[in-house]
Amino acid sequence: MKEAAAPRLLSAGIGGNVLSLLGMLLTVIGVLVLAYWVTRLIGRHGMPGLAKASGGRGRLEVLWQVSLGRSERLVLVRVERRCLLLGVTSGEIRVLTELSEEEAGPWLQSPGASADTPSFLDILRDNFPKKK
């Protein structure tokens, strides 16, 4: 009688493990789908309280920036119709000046890639060895 009970317990254990594994797999897939959905939602509508800096559709747009040191930068931003030159350090952000529309004109024009500027893909192709 004990011999017949052992195969049943073994098969029930394997079935339980398979169901447990499937449950974990479905949970991981569910979390990934939810993360994908949330990132798409945030990408489309933004997050409340954060400025949306994507292509000028939002209220804040970074037009230009240059690094001056390890933690210092100059940043030109457009906030609605105002252009501000900001000094950014690790401790603070300070408005250095507000540019007039004439002064900010070159940065406000739509950015178009010039013919002599290589694209990122062209640079990658030139700098990585070709497979033979």
Protein backbone atom coordinates (compact mmCIF):
# COMPACT_ATOMS: atom_id res chain seq x y z
CA MET A 1 0.00 0.00 0.00
CA LYS A 2 2.87 2.34 0.73
CA GLU A 3 4.40 1.60 -2.66
CA ALA A 4 1.29 2.88 -4.52
CA ALA A 5 1.19 6.10 -2.48
CA ALA A 6 4.76 7.11 -3.32
CA PRO A 7 4.23 7.62 -7.09
CA ARG A 8 1.11 9.71 -6.38
CA LEU A 9 2.99 12.03 -4.04
CA LEU A 10 5.83 12.34 -6.53
CA SER A 11 3.50 13.20 -9.42
CA ALA A 12 1.54 15.67 -7.27
CA GLY A 13 4.83 17.36 -6.31
CA ILE A 14 5.91 17.74 -9.93
CA GLY A 15 2.50 19.10 -10.92
CA GLY A 16 2.63 21.59 -8.04
CA ASN A 17 6.08 22.73 -9.10
CA VAL A 18 4.98 23.17 -12.71
CA LEU A 19 1.93 25.19 -11.63
CA SER A 20 4.09 27.29 -9.32
CA LEU A 21 6.57 27.93 -12.14
CA LEU A 22 3.76 28.90 -14.53
CA GLY A 23 2.30 31.23 -11.90
CA MET A 24 5.64 32.97 -11.43
CA LEU A 25 6.12 33.23 -15.20
CA LEU A 26 2.68 34.81 -15.65
CA THR A 27 3.43 37.24 -12.81
CA VAL A 28 6.70 38.35 -14.43
CA ILE A 29 4.97 38.76 -17.80
CA GLY A 30 2.22 40.77 -16.12
CA VAL A 31 4.72 43.09 -14.44
CA LEU A 32 6.56 43.64 -17.75
CA VAL A 33 3.31 44.41 -19.59
CA LEU A 34 2.27 46.83 -16.84
CA ALA A 35 5.68 48.57 -16.90
CA TYR A 36 5.46 48.90 -20.69
CA TRP A 37 1.95 50.34 -20.48
CA VAL A 38 2.90 52.85 -17.75
CA THR A 39 5.98 54.09 -19.64
CA ARG A 40 3.91 54.59 -22.79
CA LEU A 41 1.30 56.49 -20.77
CA ILE A 42 3.94 58.74 -19.20
CA GLY A 43 5.59 59.25 -22.58
CA ARG A 44 2.36 60.45 -24.13
CA HIS A 45 0.94 62.57 -21.32
CA GLY A 46 3.94 63.34 -19.10
CA MET A 47 3.90 63.26 -15.35
CA PRO A 48 2.04 65.91 -13.38
CA GLY A 49 4.48 68.40 -11.89
CA LEU A 50 7.30 67.66 -14.34
CA ALA A 51 8.13 69.82 -17.33
CA LYS A 52 7.84 68.04 -20.64
CA ALA A 53 10.87 68.80 -22.79
CA SER A 54 10.09 66.84 -25.92
CA GLY A 55 10.35 68.69 -29.19
CA GLY A 56 8.86 71.98 -28.03
CA ARG A 57 5.41 70.56 -27.37
CA GLY A 58 5.78 71.16 -23.65
CA ARG A 59 6.30 74.35 -21.72
CA LEU A 60 10.06 73.85 -21.18
CA GLU A 61 12.60 73.08 -23.87
CA VAL A 62 16.38 72.78 -23.58
CA LEU A 63 17.81 74.55 -26.64
CA TRP A 64 21.54 74.25 -25.96
CA GLN A 65 23.98 73.25 -23.24
CA VAL A 66 27.73 73.13 -22.76
CA SER A 67 29.79 71.60 -19.98
CA LEU A 68 32.20 73.97 -18.24
CA GLY A 69 33.66 71.53 -15.76
CA ARG A 70 32.95 68.44 -13.78
CA SER A 71 29.63 69.66 -12.40
CA GLU A 72 29.10 73.03 -14.09
CA ARG A 73 27.11 73.75 -17.24
CA LEU A 74 25.61 76.60 -19.17
CA VAL A 75 22.10 75.79 -20.35
CA LEU A 76 19.88 77.78 -22.68
CA VAL A 77 16.20 76.97 -22.11
CA ARG A 78 12.97 78.23 -23.56
CA VAL A 79 10.07 78.56 -21.16
CA GLU A 80 7.03 79.31 -23.27
CA ARG A 81 8.16 82.50 -25.11
CA ARG A 82 11.10 83.43 -22.83
CA CYS A 83 14.70 82.28 -23.41
CA LEU A 84 16.88 82.02 -20.32
CA LEU A 85 20.59 81.35 -19.97
CA LEU A 86 21.11 79.29 -16.81
CA GLY A 87 24.23 78.52 -14.84
CA VAL A 88 23.90 75.00 -13.43
CA THR A 89 26.15 73.62 -10.70
CA SER A 90 25.79 70.70 -8.34
CA GLY A 91 24.46 73.06 -5.67
CA GLU A 92 22.23 75.49 -7.53
CA ILE A 93 20.67 76.72 -10.75
CA ARG A 94 20.96 80.44 -11.37
CA VAL A 95 19.44 82.58 -14.13
CA LEU A 96 22.35 84.45 -15.69
CA THR A 97 20.37 86.47 -18.23
CA GLU A 98 17.21 86.52 -20.29
CA LEU A 99 17.84 86.65 -24.02
CA SER A 100 15.75 88.75 -26.39
CA GLU A 101 14.17 87.08 -29.41
CA GLU A 102 16.94 88.52 -31.63
CA GLU A 103 19.70 87.13 -29.42
CA ALA A 104 18.05 83.71 -29.17
CA GLY A 105 17.17 83.60 -32.88
CA PRO A 106 19.81 81.05 -33.96
CA TRP A 107 18.69 78.58 -31.29
CA LEU A 108 14.98 79.07 -31.92
CA GLN A 109 15.19 78.05 -35.58
CA SER A 110 14.16 74.49 -36.24
CA PRO A 111 17.21 72.27 -35.93
CA GLY A 112 18.06 70.64 -39.23
CA ALA A 113 21.04 68.42 -39.81
CA SER A 114 23.47 70.08 -42.17
CA ALA A 115 24.76 68.13 -45.13
CA ASP A 116 28.36 68.03 -43.84
CA THR A 117 27.46 66.79 -40.35
CA PRO A 118 27.56 62.98 -40.17
CA SER A 119 24.77 61.14 -38.41
CA PHE A 120 25.37 59.03 -35.32
CA LEU A 121 24.92 55.87 -37.37
CA ASP A 122 27.57 57.01 -39.87
CA ILE A 123 30.04 57.64 -37.05
CA LEU A 124 29.38 54.19 -35.61
CA ARG A 125 29.87 52.54 -38.98
CA ASP A 126 33.18 54.38 -39.50
CA ASN A 127 34.60 53.57 -36.06
CA PHE A 128 33.71 49.91 -35.67
CA PRO A 129 35.73 47.29 -37.55
CA LYS A 130 33.90 45.60 -40.34
CA LYS A 131 33.34 41.85 -40.10
CA LYS A 132 35.06 39.79 -42.76
